[in-house]
């Protein structure tokens, strides 16, 4: 049985002011050709489709969520799904890190290791 708490949220044609506020044009881009892709999201992803059409089938469910060009989509952390891409996708995306991973120890700062020569 599918976990209903992991839901894909689609906002159709968000306003330009919202897109500007999210600074979407500065997000990385990703694209894929038509086909089926097994995906697992280890972090929440927010993406804005510039072009394409996708049916996302959450693992263990026969239902799908459809989204495409002009849609702002939020995919929850932990979701496994199959993307059935009927029209090649080009999108801006970003991953949320709601609980940041511990960062590795920083290198010694230049001020503490400076040598006066």
C-alpha atoms as a PDB file:
ATOM      1  CA  UNK A   1       0.000   0.000   0.000  1.00  0.00           C
ATOM      2  CA  UNK A   2       1.363   3.431  -0.940  1.00  0.00           C
ATOM      3  CA  UNK A   3       2.245   5.917   1.774  1.00  0.00           C
ATOM      4  CA  UNK A   4      -0.317   8.676   1.274  1.00  0.00           C
ATOM      5  CA  UNK A   5       1.759  11.193   3.234  1.00  0.00           C
ATOM      6  CA  UNK A   6       4.217  11.374   0.337  1.00  0.00           C
ATOM      7  CA  UNK A   7       2.249  13.436  -2.156  1.00  0.00           C
ATOM      8  CA  UNK A   8       3.431  15.310  -5.207  1.00  0.00           C
ATOM      9  CA  UNK A   9       2.063  18.867  -5.161  1.00  0.00           C
ATOM     10  CA  UNK A  10       1.498  20.597  -8.503  1.00  0.00           C
ATOM     11  CA  UNK A  11       0.864  24.331  -8.838  1.00  0.00           C
ATOM     12  CA  UNK A  12      -0.292  25.058 -12.373  1.00  0.00           C
ATOM     13  CA  UNK A  13       0.977  28.256 -13.998  1.00  0.00           C
ATOM     14  CA  UNK A  14       2.352  30.051 -10.913  1.00  0.00           C
ATOM     15  CA  UNK A  15       2.552  33.845 -11.159  1.00  0.00           C
ATOM     16  CA  UNK A  16       5.693  35.527 -12.499  1.00  0.00           C
ATOM     17  CA  UNK A  17       6.067  37.282  -9.131  1.00  0.00           C
ATOM     18  CA  UNK A  18       6.174  33.906  -7.362  1.00  0.00           C
ATOM     19  CA  UNK A  19       8.744  32.562  -9.841  1.00  0.00           C
ATOM     20  CA  UNK A  20      10.865  35.692  -9.327  1.00  0.00           C
ATOM     21  CA  UNK A  21      10.532  35.417  -5.550  1.00  0.00           C
ATOM     22  CA  UNK A  22      11.782  31.808  -5.709  1.00  0.00           C
ATOM     23  CA  UNK A  23      14.643  32.972  -7.960  1.00  0.00           C
ATOM     24  CA  UNK A  24      14.008  30.001 -10.240  1.00  0.00           C
ATOM     25  CA  UNK A  25      16.194  31.270 -13.075  1.00  0.00           C
ATOM     26  CA  UNK A  26      19.242  30.814 -10.813  1.00  0.00           C
ATOM     27  CA  UNK A  27      18.419  27.163 -10.040  1.00  0.00           C
ATOM     28  CA  UNK A  28      20.303  24.414 -11.893  1.00  0.00           C
ATOM     29  CA  UNK A  29      18.690  22.901 -14.987  1.00  0.00           C
ATOM     30  CA  UNK A  30      18.043  19.262 -15.809  1.00  0.00           C
ATOM     31  CA  UNK A  31      16.428  17.549 -18.730  1.00  0.00           C
ATOM     32  CA  UNK A  32      15.582  14.098 -20.050  1.00  0.00           C
ATOM     33  CA  UNK A  33      14.221  12.570 -23.212  1.00  0.00           C
ATOM     34  CA  UNK A  34      10.940  10.630 -23.397  1.00  0.00           C
ATOM     35  CA  UNK A  35      10.999   7.291 -21.585  1.00  0.00           C
ATOM     36  CA  UNK A  36      10.404   5.704 -18.185  1.00  0.00           C
ATOM     37  CA  UNK A  37      12.637   6.531 -15.238  1.00  0.00           C
ATOM     38  CA  UNK A  38      12.723   4.965 -11.762  1.00  0.00           C
ATOM     39  CA  UNK A  39      13.449   7.789  -9.321  1.00  0.00           C
ATOM     40  CA  UNK A  40      13.954   8.023  -5.568  1.00  0.00           C
ATOM     41  CA  UNK A  41      13.995  11.427  -3.936  1.00  0.00           C
ATOM     42  CA  UNK A  42      16.374  11.570  -0.961  1.00  0.00           C
ATOM     43  CA  UNK A  43      15.507  15.229  -0.414  1.00  0.00           C
ATOM     44  CA  UNK A  44      12.454  17.333  -1.165  1.00  0.00           C
ATOM     45  CA  UNK A  45      12.683  18.720  -4.695  1.00  0.00           C
ATOM     46  CA  UNK A  46      10.950  21.795  -6.020  1.00  0.00           C
ATOM     47  CA  UNK A  47      11.048  22.088  -9.797  1.00  0.00           C
ATOM     48  CA  UNK A  48       9.617  24.314 -12.494  1.00  0.00           C
ATOM     49  CA  UNK A  49       9.079  22.686 -15.880  1.00  0.00           C
ATOM     50  CA  UNK A  50      10.080  24.831 -18.843  1.00  0.00           C
ATOM     51  CA  UNK A  51       8.912  22.121 -21.221  1.00  0.00           C
ATOM     52  CA  UNK A  52       7.793  18.521 -21.165  1.00  0.00           C
ATOM     53  CA  UNK A  53       5.025  16.292 -19.902  1.00  0.00           C
ATOM     54  CA  UNK A  54       5.306  13.701 -17.120  1.00  0.00           C
ATOM     55  CA  UNK A  55       3.079  11.157 -15.446  1.00  0.00           C
ATOM     56  CA  UNK A  56       4.590  10.251 -12.071  1.00  0.00           C
ATOM     57  CA  UNK A  57       3.457   6.908 -10.621  1.00  0.00           C
ATOM     58  CA  UNK A  58       4.315   6.628  -6.907  1.00  0.00           C
ATOM     59  CA  UNK A  59       5.753   3.204  -6.031  1.00  0.00           C
ATOM     60  CA  UNK A  60       3.033   0.774  -5.011  1.00  0.00           C
ATOM     61  CA  UNK A  61       0.252   2.815  -6.606  1.00  0.00           C
ATOM     62  CA  UNK A  62      -1.519   2.594  -9.950  1.00  0.00           C
ATOM     63  CA  UNK A  63      -2.563   6.248  -9.687  1.00  0.00           C
ATOM     64  CA  UNK A  64      -0.439   8.968 -11.209  1.00  0.00           C
ATOM     65  CA  UNK A  65       0.139  12.693 -10.961  1.00  0.00           C
ATOM     66  CA  UNK A  66       0.500  14.504 -14.278  1.00  0.00           C
ATOM     67  CA  UNK A  67       2.451  17.709 -14.739  1.00  0.00           C
ATOM     68  CA  UNK A  68       4.132  19.565 -17.544  1.00  0.00           C
ATOM     69  CA  UNK A  69       5.432  22.829 -18.977  1.00  0.00           C
ATOM     70  CA  UNK A  70       4.576  25.816 -16.788  1.00  0.00           C
ATOM     71  CA  UNK A  71       3.969  23.754 -13.626  1.00  0.00           C
ATOM     72  CA  UNK A  72       5.719  24.262 -10.288  1.00  0.00           C
ATOM     73  CA  UNK A  73       6.054  20.839  -8.658  1.00  0.00           C
ATOM     74  CA  UNK A  74       7.053  19.820  -5.127  1.00  0.00           C
ATOM     75  CA  UNK A  75       8.186  16.213  -4.738  1.00  0.00           C
ATOM     76  CA  UNK A  76       8.484  15.022  -1.129  1.00  0.00           C
ATOM     77  CA  UNK A  77      11.615  13.561   0.428  1.00  0.00           C
ATOM     78  CA  UNK A  78      11.517   9.765   0.514  1.00  0.00           C
ATOM     79  CA  UNK A  79       9.225   9.321  -2.491  1.00  0.00           C
ATOM     80  CA  UNK A  80      10.042   6.558  -4.967  1.00  0.00           C
ATOM     81  CA  UNK A  81       8.217   6.800  -8.257  1.00  0.00           C
ATOM     82  CA  UNK A  82       8.320   6.073 -11.961  1.00  0.00           C
ATOM     83  CA  UNK A  83       8.356   9.036 -14.306  1.00  0.00           C
ATOM     84  CA  UNK A  84       6.676   8.249 -17.609  1.00  0.00           C
ATOM     85  CA  UNK A  85       7.955  11.117 -19.765  1.00  0.00           C
ATOM     86  CA  UNK A  86       5.894  11.558 -22.948  1.00  0.00           C
ATOM     87  CA  UNK A  87       7.441  14.898 -24.011  1.00  0.00           C
ATOM     88  CA  UNK A  88      11.118  15.648 -23.292  1.00  0.00           C
ATOM     89  CA  UNK A  89      11.585  17.530 -20.013  1.00  0.00           C
ATOM     90  CA  UNK A  90      13.608  20.665 -19.387  1.00  0.00           C
ATOM     91  CA  UNK A  91      13.309  22.006 -15.859  1.00  0.00           C
ATOM     92  CA  UNK A  92      14.847  24.191 -13.185  1.00  0.00           C
ATOM     93  CA  UNK A  93      15.134  22.424  -9.828  1.00  0.00           C
ATOM     94  CA  UNK A  94      16.413  22.731  -6.285  1.00  0.00           C
ATOM     95  CA  UNK A  95      16.647  20.373  -3.362  1.00  0.00           C
ATOM     96  CA  UNK A  96      15.603  21.389   0.130  1.00  0.00           C
ATOM     97  CA  UNK A  97      17.760  20.432   3.047  1.00  0.00           C
ATOM     98  CA  UNK A  98      15.301  20.890   5.884  1.00  0.00           C
ATOM     99  CA  UNK A  99      17.661  19.115   8.271  1.00  0.00           C
ATOM    100  CA  UNK A 100      21.150  19.988   7.093  1.00  0.00           C
ATOM    101  CA  UNK A 101      23.639  17.180   7.153  1.00  0.00           C
ATOM    102  CA  UNK A 102      26.568  17.689   9.492  1.00  0.00           C
ATOM    103  CA  UNK A 103      29.250  19.374   7.480  1.00  0.00           C
ATOM    104  CA  UNK A 104      32.783  18.060   7.502  1.00  0.00           C
ATOM    105  CA  UNK A 105      35.269  19.868   9.691  1.00  0.00           C
ATOM    106  CA  UNK A 106      36.249  23.106   8.020  1.00  0.00           C
ATOM    107  CA  UNK A 107      39.849  23.520   6.978  1.00  0.00           C
ATOM    108  CA  UNK A 108      41.907  25.667   9.328  1.00  0.00           C
ATOM    109  CA  UNK A 109      41.060  29.287   8.738  1.00  0.00           C
ATOM    110  CA  UNK A 110      43.722  31.381   7.106  1.00  0.00           C
ATOM    111  CA  UNK A 111      43.879  33.746  10.081  1.00  0.00           C
ATOM    112  CA  UNK A 112      44.852  31.029  12.576  1.00  0.00           C
ATOM    113  CA  UNK A 113      47.435  29.445  10.314  1.00  0.00           C
ATOM    114  CA  UNK A 114      48.919  32.591   8.816  1.00  0.00           C
ATOM    115  CA  UNK A 115      52.617  32.915   8.936  1.00  0.00           C
ATOM    116  CA  UNK A 116      54.153  36.327   8.803  1.00  0.00           C
ATOM    117  CA  UNK A 117      56.977  36.348   6.324  1.00  0.00           C
END
